[in-house]
Amino acid sequence: MQTSFNWHRSLKTLIMVFLLAGIVISCKKTEVNNMPAPVENVEQEALNAARVLENTAAASAANEGSSLNLDEGALARTNQNIVQIVVANPNFAALEAAVLKTGLAGALSNTAASLTVFAPTNNAFAQLPAPFNTANNISAITDAGQISFLTNVLLYHVLGAEVFSNQIANGRSSAVTIKTAGLANDNTLYFSKTFGL
């Protein structure tokens, strides 16, 4: 009888070992599935996404410029100053409110000034937190600190020279803006141009 008892005990032990092995294998399989992708894969995915973006950038920029009624040649021929261009285009309502709120309208409408504005649209302002996200909110700002912040945001988008898109080299570029430097490079604007845009 003792032999039969040991056989059952061995069988139970063997079954337990298989069950535990199945749980351990199952856990390891789950851990492998939940492991983050190797860095090389993430970098390759980012590179692939950047290539897709690069291939669609020209068409996207042309479509956005067209939807904003922006034609560099036409704008250059109008002899309008920056403020007049901003006021005439409803896509720049938030920028207009910001220019007025910060008192920069005089400087940006000075015909003797040679400036370039990388003009943020209403959609760009909408990405900011309140009260900087809409023309109405910007117009209602009374806090001096918020106005100072807004001034720096605008100055960060202005170059102290007149530059047209055909003068910007393809690829990545940078330019120092008229914003006063605070920290290292916090007055340097970084941008990218591809396909001659």
Protein backbone atom coordinates (compact mmCIF):
# COMPACT_ATOMS: atom_id res chain seq x y z
CA MET A 1 0.00 0.00 0.00
CA GLN A 2 2.78 2.33 0.71
CA THR A 3 4.01 2.00 -2.87
CA SER A 4 0.65 3.16 -4.24
CA PHE A 5 0.62 6.11 -1.85
CA ASN A 6 4.09 7.26 -2.95
CA TRP A 7 3.05 6.90 -6.58
CA HIS A 8 0.06 9.17 -6.02
CA ARG A 9 2.22 11.59 -4.11
CA SER A 10 4.76 11.61 -6.93
CA LEU A 11 2.00 12.12 -9.46
CA LYS A 12 0.59 15.04 -7.48
CA THR A 13 4.08 16.53 -7.20
CA LEU A 14 4.64 16.11 -10.92
CA ILE A 15 1.29 17.75 -11.71
CA MET A 16 2.15 20.65 -9.38
CA VAL A 17 5.52 21.07 -11.07
CA PHE A 18 3.85 21.20 -14.50
CA LEU A 19 1.26 23.67 -13.27
CA LEU A 20 3.90 25.90 -11.69
CA ALA A 21 6.04 25.63 -14.83
CA GLY A 22 3.03 26.66 -16.90
CA ILE A 23 2.44 29.66 -14.66
CA VAL A 24 6.12 30.64 -14.77
CA ILE A 25 6.23 30.24 -18.55
CA SER A 26 3.00 32.17 -18.85
CA CYS A 27 4.39 34.98 -16.69
CA LYS A 28 7.60 35.12 -18.66
CA LYS A 29 5.65 35.25 -21.90
CA THR A 30 3.59 38.14 -20.57
CA GLU A 31 6.72 39.96 -19.43
CA VAL A 32 8.28 39.56 -22.88
CA ASN A 33 5.13 40.91 -24.55
CA ASN A 34 5.05 43.93 -22.23
CA MET A 35 8.72 44.81 -22.57
CA PRO A 36 9.37 48.13 -24.31
CA ALA A 37 10.63 48.00 -27.86
CA PRO A 38 14.39 48.12 -28.20
CA VAL A 39 15.78 51.62 -28.61
CA GLU A 40 16.85 50.85 -32.17
CA ASN A 41 13.21 50.10 -33.10
CA VAL A 42 11.93 53.30 -31.49
CA GLU A 43 14.60 55.35 -33.24
CA GLN A 44 13.79 53.69 -36.57
CA GLU A 45 10.07 54.37 -36.08
CA ALA A 46 10.82 58.04 -35.33
CA LEU A 47 13.06 58.26 -38.37
CA ASN A 48 10.37 56.70 -40.57
CA ALA A 49 7.77 59.14 -39.21
CA ALA A 50 10.13 62.06 -39.86
CA ARG A 51 10.63 60.90 -43.46
CA VAL A 52 6.89 60.71 -44.02
CA LEU A 53 6.50 64.20 -42.55
CA GLU A 54 9.35 65.49 -44.70
CA ASN A 55 7.71 64.07 -47.82
CA THR A 56 4.38 65.74 -47.01
CA ALA A 57 5.73 69.03 -45.61
CA ALA A 58 5.76 70.90 -48.93
CA ALA A 59 2.15 70.10 -49.75
CA SER A 60 1.03 70.77 -46.17
CA ALA A 61 2.79 74.14 -46.07
CA ALA A 62 1.36 75.14 -49.46
CA ASN A 63 -2.15 74.12 -48.36
CA GLU A 64 -1.85 75.98 -45.07
CA GLY A 65 -0.47 79.08 -46.78
CA SER A 66 -3.29 78.95 -49.29
CA SER A 67 -5.93 78.50 -46.58
CA LEU A 68 -4.47 81.50 -44.73
CA ASN A 69 -4.50 83.56 -47.93
CA LEU A 70 -0.74 83.94 -47.71
CA ASP A 71 1.21 84.37 -50.90
CA GLU A 72 4.70 85.70 -50.26
CA GLY A 73 4.91 87.42 -53.63
CA ALA A 74 1.51 89.07 -53.22
CA LEU A 75 2.35 90.17 -49.68
CA ALA A 76 5.64 91.69 -50.83
CA ARG A 77 3.85 93.60 -53.61
CA THR A 78 1.17 95.07 -51.32
CA ASN A 79 3.65 97.25 -49.43
CA GLN A 80 1.70 96.55 -46.25
CA ASN A 81 3.50 96.50 -42.94
CA ILE A 82 3.33 93.51 -40.63
CA VAL A 83 0.48 94.88 -38.53
CA GLN A 84 -1.64 95.63 -41.60
CA ILE A 85 -1.14 92.09 -42.88
CA VAL A 86 -2.07 90.65 -39.47
CA VAL A 87 -5.17 92.84 -39.09
CA ALA A 88 -6.38 91.99 -42.61
CA ASN A 89 -6.30 88.23 -42.02
CA PRO A 90 -8.82 86.71 -39.55
CA ASN A 91 -6.48 83.73 -39.04
CA PHE A 92 -4.26 86.10 -37.05
CA ALA A 93 -6.91 87.47 -34.65
CA ALA A 94 -5.07 86.14 -31.58
CA LEU A 95 -1.77 87.54 -32.87
CA GLU A 96 -3.46 90.89 -33.46
CA ALA A 97 -4.80 90.90 -29.89
CA ALA A 98 -1.34 90.00 -28.57
CA VAL A 99 0.38 92.73 -30.60
CA LEU A 100 -2.10 95.30 -29.30
CA LYS A 101 -1.95 94.04 -25.70
CA THR A 102 1.85 94.17 -25.59
CA GLY A 103 2.16 97.56 -27.26
CA LEU A 104 4.26 96.18 -30.12
CA ALA A 105 1.96 97.50 -32.86
CA GLY A 106 4.04 100.64 -33.32
CA ALA A 107 7.31 98.75 -33.72
CA LEU A 108 5.83 96.16 -36.08
CA SER A 109 4.14 98.79 -38.25
CA ASN A 110 7.28 100.93 -38.57
CA THR A 111 8.04 101.01 -42.30
CA ALA A 112 11.68 101.86 -41.59
CA ALA A 113 12.11 98.66 -39.56
CA SER A 114 13.45 95.61 -41.33
CA LEU A 115 11.72 92.70 -39.57
CA THR A 116 10.45 89.20 -40.26
CA VAL A 117 7.67 87.69 -38.17
CA PHE A 118 7.12 83.94 -37.98
CA ALA A 119 3.45 84.69 -37.39
CA PRO A 120 1.61 82.24 -35.14
CA THR A 121 -1.95 81.59 -36.31
CA ASN A 122 -5.06 81.29 -34.15
CA ASN A 123 -4.50 77.52 -34.17
CA ALA A 124 -1.01 78.00 -32.75
CA PHE A 125 -2.31 80.24 -29.96
CA ALA A 126 -5.05 77.67 -29.24
CA GLN A 127 -2.29 75.26 -28.13
CA LEU A 128 -1.32 77.61 -25.29
CA PRO A 129 -3.05 77.58 -21.90
CA ALA A 130 -5.57 80.27 -21.00
CA PRO A 131 -5.39 83.25 -21.02
CA PHE A 132 -3.02 83.10 -24.01
CA ASN A 133 -5.15 80.80 -26.18
CA THR A 134 -7.73 83.10 -27.82
CA ALA A 135 -8.01 86.70 -28.99
CA ASN A 136 -10.74 87.42 -26.40
CA ASN A 137 -8.70 85.96 -23.53
CA ILE A 138 -5.58 87.86 -24.60
CA SER A 139 -7.53 91.12 -24.84
CA ALA A 140 -8.78 90.61 -21.27
CA ILE A 141 -5.29 90.17 -19.73
CA THR A 142 -4.44 92.80 -17.12
CA ASP A 143 -1.66 91.09 -15.17
CA ALA A 144 1.73 92.73 -15.89
CA GLY A 145 3.56 89.39 -15.59
CA GLN A 146 1.30 87.79 -18.19
CA ILE A 147 1.76 90.75 -20.53
CA SER A 148 5.54 90.47 -20.10
CA PHE A 149 5.36 86.75 -20.89
CA LEU A 150 3.25 87.47 -23.97
CA THR A 151 5.74 90.13 -25.09
CA ASN A 152 8.58 87.61 -24.89
CA VAL A 153 6.54 85.03 -26.82
CA LEU A 154 5.97 87.55 -29.61
CA LEU A 155 9.57 88.80 -29.69
CA TYR A 156 10.72 85.19 -29.93
CA HIS A 157 8.91 85.06 -33.31
CA VAL A 158 10.55 88.18 -34.77
CA LEU A 159 13.86 88.42 -36.63
CA GLY A 160 15.66 91.76 -36.83
CA ALA A 161 15.99 91.51 -40.61
CA GLU A 162 13.67 91.07 -43.57
CA VAL A 163 13.95 87.47 -44.75
CA PHE A 164 11.94 85.80 -47.50
CA SER A 165 11.42 82.05 -47.75
CA ASN A 166 13.61 81.78 -50.86
CA GLN A 167 16.50 83.17 -48.78
CA ILE A 168 16.27 80.36 -46.21
CA ALA A 169 18.42 77.31 -46.93
CA ASN A 170 16.74 73.92 -47.19
CA GLY A 171 16.96 71.75 -44.12
CA ARG A 172 17.38 72.80 -40.51
CA SER A 173 18.16 76.39 -39.66
CA SER A 174 18.25 78.71 -36.71
CA ALA A 175 18.19 82.46 -36.23
CA VAL A 176 18.57 84.79 -33.28
CA THR A 177 15.34 86.67 -32.61
CA ILE A 178 14.91 90.16 -31.17
CA LYS A 179 13.86 88.71 -27.80
CA THR A 180 16.39 89.59 -25.12
CA ALA A 181 18.39 86.51 -24.15
CA GLY A 182 17.70 85.19 -20.67
CA LEU A 183 18.98 81.65 -20.63
CA ALA A 184 21.32 80.08 -23.19
CA ASN A 185 19.67 79.99 -26.63
CA ASP A 186 16.25 81.06 -25.35
CA ASN A 187 16.18 83.74 -28.03
CA THR A 188 17.17 81.41 -30.86
CA LEU A 189 14.43 80.24 -33.18
CA TYR A 190 14.89 76.79 -34.71
CA PHE A 191 13.03 75.84 -37.86
CA SER A 192 13.23 73.49 -40.80
CA LYS A 193 12.68 74.07 -44.48
CA THR A 194 12.47 71.37 -47.12
CA PHE A 195 11.72 71.16 -50.81
CA GLY A 196 12.38 74.85 -51.47
CA LEU A 197 9.49 76.20 -49.38
